[in-house]
N, C-alpha and C. Protein backbone atom coordinates (compact mmCIF):
# COMPACT_ATOMS: atom_id res chain seq x y z
N MET A 1 13.16 -19.53 -62.26
CA MET A 1 13.88 -20.76 -62.11
C MET A 1 13.34 -21.78 -63.10
N PRO A 2 14.14 -22.77 -63.43
CA PRO A 2 13.71 -23.77 -64.40
C PRO A 2 12.47 -24.54 -63.93
N VAL A 3 11.69 -24.94 -64.89
CA VAL A 3 10.50 -25.75 -64.64
C VAL A 3 10.81 -27.16 -65.12
N ALA A 4 10.12 -28.15 -64.56
CA ALA A 4 10.40 -29.55 -64.90
C ALA A 4 10.25 -29.83 -66.40
N THR A 5 9.44 -29.06 -67.09
CA THR A 5 9.20 -29.31 -68.52
C THR A 5 10.21 -28.62 -69.43
N ASP A 6 11.13 -27.84 -68.87
CA ASP A 6 12.13 -27.12 -69.68
C ASP A 6 13.20 -28.08 -70.20
N ASN A 7 13.66 -27.78 -71.41
CA ASN A 7 14.84 -28.52 -71.89
C ASN A 7 16.09 -27.83 -71.33
N ALA A 8 17.26 -28.38 -71.58
CA ALA A 8 18.49 -27.86 -71.00
C ALA A 8 18.76 -26.42 -71.42
N LYS A 9 18.51 -26.08 -72.68
CA LYS A 9 18.80 -24.73 -73.16
C LYS A 9 17.87 -23.71 -72.51
N LYS A 10 16.59 -24.05 -72.45
CA LYS A 10 15.61 -23.13 -71.85
C LYS A 10 15.88 -22.96 -70.35
N ALA A 11 16.26 -24.06 -69.69
CA ALA A 11 16.59 -23.98 -68.27
C ALA A 11 17.81 -23.08 -68.05
N ALA A 12 18.82 -23.21 -68.91
CA ALA A 12 20.02 -22.38 -68.79
C ALA A 12 19.68 -20.90 -68.98
N VAL A 13 18.80 -20.60 -69.91
CA VAL A 13 18.39 -19.22 -70.15
C VAL A 13 17.67 -18.66 -68.93
N ARG A 14 16.80 -19.47 -68.33
CA ARG A 14 16.06 -19.01 -67.14
C ARG A 14 17.02 -18.78 -65.97
N VAL A 15 17.95 -19.70 -65.76
CA VAL A 15 18.91 -19.55 -64.66
C VAL A 15 19.76 -18.31 -64.88
N ASN A 16 20.22 -18.10 -66.11
CA ASN A 16 21.02 -16.92 -66.41
C ASN A 16 20.21 -15.65 -66.17
N GLY A 17 18.94 -15.67 -66.54
CA GLY A 17 18.08 -14.51 -66.30
C GLY A 17 17.96 -14.20 -64.82
N MET A 18 17.85 -15.24 -64.00
CA MET A 18 17.78 -15.02 -62.55
C MET A 18 19.09 -14.47 -62.01
N LYS A 19 20.21 -14.96 -62.53
CA LYS A 19 21.52 -14.45 -62.10
C LYS A 19 21.63 -12.96 -62.38
N VAL A 20 21.21 -12.56 -63.57
CA VAL A 20 21.28 -11.15 -63.97
C VAL A 20 20.37 -10.32 -63.08
N ALA A 21 19.15 -10.80 -62.84
CA ALA A 21 18.19 -10.06 -62.02
C ALA A 21 18.70 -9.89 -60.59
N VAL A 22 19.22 -10.96 -60.01
CA VAL A 22 19.74 -10.89 -58.64
C VAL A 22 20.94 -9.96 -58.57
N SER A 23 21.83 -10.04 -59.55
CA SER A 23 22.99 -9.16 -59.58
C SER A 23 22.57 -7.69 -59.63
N ARG A 24 21.59 -7.39 -60.46
CA ARG A 24 21.11 -6.00 -60.56
C ARG A 24 20.50 -5.54 -59.25
N MET A 25 19.69 -6.39 -58.62
CA MET A 25 19.04 -6.00 -57.37
C MET A 25 20.06 -5.82 -56.25
N LEU A 26 21.09 -6.68 -56.20
CA LEU A 26 22.14 -6.51 -55.19
C LEU A 26 22.90 -5.21 -55.40
N SER A 27 23.17 -4.89 -56.66
CA SER A 27 23.87 -3.65 -56.97
C SER A 27 23.02 -2.45 -56.55
N ARG A 28 21.73 -2.50 -56.84
CA ARG A 28 20.84 -1.41 -56.45
C ARG A 28 20.76 -1.28 -54.93
N ALA A 29 20.70 -2.42 -54.22
CA ALA A 29 20.64 -2.38 -52.76
C ALA A 29 21.92 -1.80 -52.17
N ASN A 30 23.05 -2.20 -52.71
CA ASN A 30 24.33 -1.66 -52.23
C ASN A 30 24.42 -0.16 -52.48
N ASN A 31 23.97 0.28 -53.65
CA ASN A 31 23.97 1.71 -53.96
C ASN A 31 23.02 2.46 -53.03
N LEU A 32 21.85 1.88 -52.75
CA LEU A 32 20.89 2.51 -51.86
C LEU A 32 21.49 2.69 -50.47
N ALA A 33 22.15 1.65 -49.96
CA ALA A 33 22.77 1.73 -48.63
C ALA A 33 23.92 2.74 -48.61
N ALA A 34 24.73 2.74 -49.64
CA ALA A 34 25.85 3.69 -49.69
C ALA A 34 25.36 5.13 -49.76
N ASN A 35 24.32 5.37 -50.54
CA ASN A 35 23.77 6.73 -50.63
C ASN A 35 23.11 7.13 -49.32
N ALA A 36 22.41 6.21 -48.66
CA ALA A 36 21.77 6.52 -47.38
C ALA A 36 22.81 6.89 -46.33
N ALA A 37 23.98 6.27 -46.41
CA ALA A 37 25.05 6.55 -45.44
C ALA A 37 25.55 7.98 -45.54
N VAL A 38 25.40 8.60 -46.69
CA VAL A 38 25.85 9.99 -46.84
C VAL A 38 24.67 10.95 -46.91
N GLY A 39 23.46 10.47 -46.60
CA GLY A 39 22.29 11.34 -46.51
C GLY A 39 21.53 11.53 -47.80
N VAL A 40 21.78 10.73 -48.81
CA VAL A 40 21.03 10.82 -50.07
C VAL A 40 20.10 9.63 -50.11
N PHE A 41 18.79 9.89 -49.90
CA PHE A 41 17.84 8.79 -49.84
C PHE A 41 16.52 9.23 -50.42
N PRO A 42 15.82 8.46 -51.17
CA PRO A 42 16.24 7.20 -51.77
C PRO A 42 16.91 7.43 -53.11
N SER A 43 18.00 6.79 -53.35
CA SER A 43 18.67 6.85 -54.63
C SER A 43 19.40 5.54 -54.87
N VAL A 44 19.14 4.93 -56.03
CA VAL A 44 19.80 3.67 -56.36
C VAL A 44 20.92 3.88 -57.38
N GLN A 45 21.20 5.13 -57.70
CA GLN A 45 22.31 5.43 -58.58
C GLN A 45 23.62 5.22 -57.83
N ALA A 46 24.67 4.89 -58.54
CA ALA A 46 25.97 4.71 -57.89
C ALA A 46 26.36 6.02 -57.19
N PRO A 47 26.89 5.94 -55.97
CA PRO A 47 27.27 7.16 -55.26
C PRO A 47 28.28 7.97 -56.06
N ALA A 48 28.16 9.30 -55.94
CA ALA A 48 29.07 10.18 -56.66
C ALA A 48 30.51 9.98 -56.21
N LYS A 49 30.71 9.82 -54.92
CA LYS A 49 32.04 9.52 -54.41
C LYS A 49 31.91 8.47 -53.32
N PRO A 50 32.96 7.69 -53.11
CA PRO A 50 32.86 6.61 -52.13
C PRO A 50 32.61 7.13 -50.72
N VAL A 51 31.95 6.31 -49.90
CA VAL A 51 31.67 6.67 -48.52
C VAL A 51 32.98 6.58 -47.74
N VAL A 52 33.32 7.68 -47.10
CA VAL A 52 34.54 7.73 -46.30
C VAL A 52 34.16 8.23 -44.91
N TRP A 53 34.58 7.50 -43.91
CA TRP A 53 34.31 7.92 -42.54
C TRP A 53 35.12 9.19 -42.26
N ARG A 54 34.47 10.15 -41.68
CA ARG A 54 35.19 11.35 -41.25
C ARG A 54 36.03 11.01 -40.03
N ARG A 55 37.05 11.79 -39.80
CA ARG A 55 38.01 11.50 -38.73
C ARG A 55 37.32 11.35 -37.38
N LEU A 56 36.43 12.28 -37.03
CA LEU A 56 35.78 12.26 -35.73
C LEU A 56 34.89 11.02 -35.59
N ALA A 57 34.14 10.69 -36.64
CA ALA A 57 33.29 9.51 -36.59
C ALA A 57 34.12 8.24 -36.46
N GLN A 58 35.22 8.18 -37.16
CA GLN A 58 36.10 7.01 -37.07
C GLN A 58 36.70 6.89 -35.67
N GLU A 59 37.08 8.02 -35.07
CA GLU A 59 37.64 7.99 -33.72
C GLU A 59 36.59 7.51 -32.71
N ARG A 60 35.34 7.98 -32.87
CA ARG A 60 34.26 7.53 -31.98
C ARG A 60 34.00 6.04 -32.14
N LEU A 61 34.00 5.57 -33.36
CA LEU A 61 33.80 4.14 -33.60
C LEU A 61 34.93 3.33 -32.98
N ASP A 62 36.16 3.75 -33.18
CA ASP A 62 37.31 3.04 -32.61
C ASP A 62 37.24 3.02 -31.08
N ALA A 63 36.82 4.14 -30.48
CA ALA A 63 36.70 4.21 -29.02
C ALA A 63 35.59 3.27 -28.52
N ALA A 64 34.48 3.24 -29.21
CA ALA A 64 33.37 2.35 -28.83
C ALA A 64 33.78 0.89 -28.93
N VAL A 65 34.51 0.53 -29.96
CA VAL A 65 35.00 -0.84 -30.11
C VAL A 65 35.97 -1.17 -28.98
N ALA A 66 36.87 -0.23 -28.66
CA ALA A 66 37.86 -0.46 -27.61
C ALA A 66 37.20 -0.63 -26.24
N GLN A 67 36.09 0.08 -25.99
CA GLN A 67 35.38 0.00 -24.72
C GLN A 67 34.43 -1.18 -24.66
N GLY A 68 34.27 -1.87 -25.78
CA GLY A 68 33.36 -3.01 -25.81
C GLY A 68 31.91 -2.63 -25.98
N LEU A 69 31.64 -1.36 -26.31
CA LEU A 69 30.26 -0.91 -26.50
C LEU A 69 29.69 -1.34 -27.84
N TRP A 70 30.56 -1.62 -28.76
CA TRP A 70 30.15 -2.02 -30.10
C TRP A 70 31.21 -2.95 -30.64
N ARG A 71 30.78 -3.98 -31.31
CA ARG A 71 31.76 -4.86 -31.93
C ARG A 71 31.31 -5.19 -33.33
N PRO A 72 32.25 -5.37 -34.22
CA PRO A 72 31.90 -5.75 -35.58
C PRO A 72 31.17 -7.10 -35.57
N LEU A 73 30.33 -7.32 -36.55
CA LEU A 73 29.60 -8.59 -36.62
C LEU A 73 30.54 -9.76 -36.85
N PHE A 74 31.63 -9.52 -37.55
CA PHE A 74 32.55 -10.59 -37.89
C PHE A 74 33.97 -10.16 -37.63
N GLU A 75 34.76 -11.10 -37.16
CA GLU A 75 36.18 -10.86 -37.04
C GLU A 75 36.79 -11.01 -38.44
N GLU A 76 38.01 -10.60 -38.59
CA GLU A 76 38.63 -10.55 -39.91
C GLU A 76 38.64 -11.90 -40.62
N ASN A 77 38.94 -12.97 -39.91
CA ASN A 77 39.04 -14.29 -40.54
C ASN A 77 37.86 -15.20 -40.22
N GLN A 78 36.78 -14.64 -39.72
CA GLN A 78 35.62 -15.43 -39.33
C GLN A 78 34.78 -15.78 -40.56
N VAL A 79 34.16 -16.94 -40.53
CA VAL A 79 33.33 -17.40 -41.63
C VAL A 79 31.88 -17.41 -41.17
N LEU A 80 30.99 -16.90 -41.98
CA LEU A 80 29.57 -16.89 -41.67
C LEU A 80 28.96 -18.21 -42.10
N ILE A 81 28.31 -18.88 -41.17
CA ILE A 81 27.61 -20.12 -41.48
C ILE A 81 26.13 -19.87 -41.29
N VAL A 82 25.38 -19.95 -42.36
CA VAL A 82 23.95 -19.70 -42.32
C VAL A 82 23.22 -21.03 -42.31
N GLN A 83 22.36 -21.20 -41.33
CA GLN A 83 21.58 -22.43 -41.27
C GLN A 83 20.47 -22.37 -42.31
N GLN A 84 20.39 -23.39 -43.11
CA GLN A 84 19.36 -23.47 -44.14
C GLN A 84 18.19 -24.28 -43.62
N ARG A 85 16.98 -23.85 -43.94
CA ARG A 85 15.80 -24.64 -43.60
C ARG A 85 15.80 -25.89 -44.45
N ASP A 86 15.43 -26.98 -43.85
CA ASP A 86 15.30 -28.20 -44.64
C ASP A 86 13.85 -28.37 -45.04
N ASP A 87 13.57 -29.39 -45.77
CA ASP A 87 12.20 -29.65 -46.21
C ASP A 87 11.44 -30.52 -45.22
N GLY A 88 11.95 -30.62 -44.01
CA GLY A 88 11.34 -31.46 -42.99
C GLY A 88 10.19 -30.78 -42.29
N GLU A 89 9.94 -31.20 -41.08
CA GLU A 89 8.76 -30.74 -40.34
C GLU A 89 8.86 -29.28 -39.91
N ASN A 90 10.06 -28.69 -39.87
CA ASN A 90 10.21 -27.31 -39.41
C ASN A 90 10.03 -26.28 -40.51
N SER A 91 9.87 -26.72 -41.73
CA SER A 91 9.76 -25.76 -42.84
C SER A 91 8.31 -25.31 -42.97
N ARG A 92 8.16 -24.13 -43.54
CA ARG A 92 6.81 -23.59 -43.76
C ARG A 92 6.16 -24.28 -44.94
N PRO A 93 4.84 -24.31 -44.95
CA PRO A 93 4.16 -24.96 -46.10
C PRO A 93 4.27 -24.16 -47.35
């Protein structure tokens, strides 16, 4: 992240570098999760084929949702609101 002594160009380069790094790490994490879902672990390479629920697994999931045993974290039109820590007394040093 930019430092107080950076000029605008150097700050922009640092911010862009962080964007690239975060994008790469998110891509690797998504690939890791997708591969783990099909039993390939650990692998950060893009999955060979997309993860597809098999018919029986999808039927079990649908039945569990219908019985109220499991529910998705979010409804289709729901918005996630994440509480951010402030710099007040509740934040860590």
